[in-house]
Every structure is written in structure tokens, then in C-alpha cells.
Protein backbone atom coordinates (compact mmCIF):
# COMPACT_ATOMS: atom_id res chain seq x y z
CA MET A 1 0.27 -0.04 -0.26
CA THR A 2 1.81 3.31 -1.03
CA SER A 3 1.15 6.58 1.17
CA GLN A 4 -0.70 10.00 -0.55
CA ARG A 5 1.70 12.38 -0.42
CA LEU A 6 0.59 15.29 1.78
CA TYR A 7 2.03 19.10 1.28
CA ARG A 8 2.49 21.72 3.77
CA VAL A 9 1.53 25.05 1.72
CA THR A 10 2.96 28.18 3.58
CA PHE A 11 1.41 31.66 1.62
CA GLN A 12 0.43 35.70 2.11
CA ASN A 13 -2.91 36.55 1.75
CA GLN A 14 -4.14 40.40 3.10
CA GLY A 15 -1.50 40.71 5.31
CA GLN A 16 -1.71 37.11 6.72
CA VAL A 17 0.17 34.23 6.55
CA TYR A 18 -1.58 30.91 5.95
CA GLU A 19 -0.84 27.69 6.42
CA ILE A 20 -2.62 25.14 4.98
CA TYR A 21 -2.15 21.13 3.94
CA ALA A 22 -3.04 19.50 0.88
CA ARG A 23 -2.77 16.28 -1.56
CA ASN A 24 -2.21 17.90 -4.66
CA VAL A 25 0.11 20.69 -5.46
CA SER A 26 1.25 21.27 -8.89
CA HIS A 27 2.77 24.85 -11.10
CA GLY A 28 -1.05 24.64 -12.27
CA SER A 29 -2.30 25.56 -16.14
CA ILE A 30 -2.44 29.10 -15.13
CA MET A 31 0.89 30.51 -15.33
CA GLY A 32 2.05 32.86 -12.10
CA PHE A 33 -0.15 30.34 -9.87
CA VAL A 34 -0.27 27.35 -7.65
CA GLU A 35 -2.07 24.81 -7.69
CA VAL A 36 -3.31 23.31 -4.83
CA GLU A 37 -6.37 20.44 -4.10
CA LYS A 38 -7.29 17.57 -1.85
CA LEU A 39 -7.44 20.09 0.82
CA VAL A 40 -6.53 18.19 4.30
CA PHE A 41 -7.88 19.58 7.63
CA GLY A 42 -7.76 17.64 10.77
CA GLU A 43 -10.44 15.59 12.22
CA LYS A 44 -13.05 16.13 14.81
CA THR A 45 -11.74 13.67 17.49
CA THR A 46 -11.14 15.43 20.19
CA VAL A 47 -13.23 18.19 21.75
CA LEU A 48 -11.40 20.90 21.53
CA VAL A 49 -11.59 23.00 18.62
CA ASP A 50 -9.14 25.31 17.18
CA PRO A 51 -10.34 29.09 16.19
CA GLY A 52 -7.92 29.49 13.45
CA GLU A 53 -8.53 25.92 12.10
CA GLU A 54 -12.34 26.15 12.04
CA LYS A 55 -12.04 29.27 10.13
CA LEU A 56 -10.03 27.80 7.43
CA LYS A 57 -12.24 25.38 6.98
CA THR A 58 -15.25 27.92 6.75
CA GLU A 59 -13.19 29.59 4.06
CA PHE A 60 -12.13 26.67 1.63
CA GLU A 61 -15.30 24.50 2.65
CA HIS A 62 -16.78 24.35 -1.46
CA VAL A 63 -13.16 24.62 -2.43
CA VAL A 64 -12.18 22.15 -5.36
CA ARG A 65 -9.34 23.70 -5.76
CA THR A 66 -7.48 26.72 -5.40
CA TYR A 67 -4.74 28.87 -6.94
CA ILE A 68 -1.92 30.91 -5.25
CA PRO A 69 -0.07 34.07 -7.03
CA LEU A 70 3.59 32.46 -7.15
CA HIS A 71 4.82 35.91 -5.42
CA ALA A 72 2.51 34.94 -2.61
CA VAL A 73 3.99 31.55 -2.08
CA VAL A 74 6.92 31.09 0.99
CA ARG A 75 7.02 27.76 0.96
CA ILE A 76 5.61 24.31 0.25
CA ASP A 77 7.04 21.34 2.06
CA GLU A 78 6.23 17.83 2.30
CA VAL A 79 5.73 16.63 5.39
CA ALA A 80 4.63 13.46 6.60
CA LYS A 81 1.47 13.74 8.61
CA PRO A 82 -0.47 17.42 8.74
CA GLY A 83 -0.57 19.82 11.44
CA PRO A 84 -3.08 22.36 12.71
CA ALA A 85 -3.87 24.63 9.53
CA ARG A 86 -3.43 28.18 10.73
CA ILE A 87 -3.64 31.91 10.42
CA THR A 88 -0.93 34.15 11.50
CA THR A 89 -0.44 37.90 11.25
CA ALA A 90 2.38 38.82 8.81
CA SER A 91 2.75 42.37 10.52
CA GLY A 92 4.89 43.22 13.02
CA GLU A 93 8.57 42.25 14.51
CA SER A 94 8.06 38.82 15.28
CA SER A 95 6.87 38.05 12.02
CA LYS A 96 9.14 35.93 10.15
CA VAL A 97 7.84 36.35 6.70
CA THR A 98 9.56 39.27 4.60
CA PRO A 99 6.53 40.40 2.27
CA PHE A 100 8.19 40.32 -1.47
CA PRO A 101 8.44 44.04 -2.68
CA LEU A 102 5.40 44.42 -4.98
CA TYR A 103 5.16 46.54 -8.29
CA THR A 104 3.07 49.37 -7.66
CA PRO A 105 2.53 51.69 -10.44
CA THR A 106 2.04 55.84 -11.01
CA GLY A 107 -0.78 56.27 -12.44
CA GLY A 108 0.41 55.95 -16.04
CA GLN A 109 2.26 59.38 -16.25
CA HIS A 110 5.69 59.72 -17.42
CA LYS A 111 7.98 62.48 -15.59
CA LYS A 112 9.77 64.71 -18.90
């Protein structure tokens, strides 16, 4: 019996860092995006409920696959078993994630 691969995908989304687990991760068919499908969340076998993981479960409830912009991906790890999916804040001194500098257009006017 072969075990299915499992990936931990860490990415930035609106000033927060998301950490999710998925069975399939690929470069996908849309250039500049990472395709993530078959999301894995913890089982409800304990009395304790993690509110961060519940928020992610709700956000991705009916999602078959999601496309994450390549520049938002912090890292992708192949792991042996899933941990808790979580959302952390990306801003502040304690952050371990440095945001990728984004291009901001100047409004189309050129300086002469």
C-alpha cells in the first residue's frame, strides 16, 4: 500500500500568513499561480476546537482547487502527517515572513 503525498503550503494573503495542507500541489495551468487541491483539515476527534483551523475550513469549505499567486507562496514542504491549519499575522516585529516587494504603477504618467 502506497501512502499519498501530503504538502504543507505556506503563503501570504491580505497581510496574514496561511498554512494549509493538501494532497496535490502543482504549477497548474494558469501561469504565475500554484495550483493546490484536495485540502486536508484535522479530524474532529477531540473536544478542543482550534478557531484558526475552523476559520480556514469555513473559508475553503466548497473549494475544489485554489490558485495561489506564485509571489505569495512562502514555502511548500512535503510532510509525513498533517498538523493544524492556521492563520498568523504577517506584520509586526515578531514576523518571520518578509513580504515580497510588489510593483505599484504610478498612474501611467511619465516624468519629463
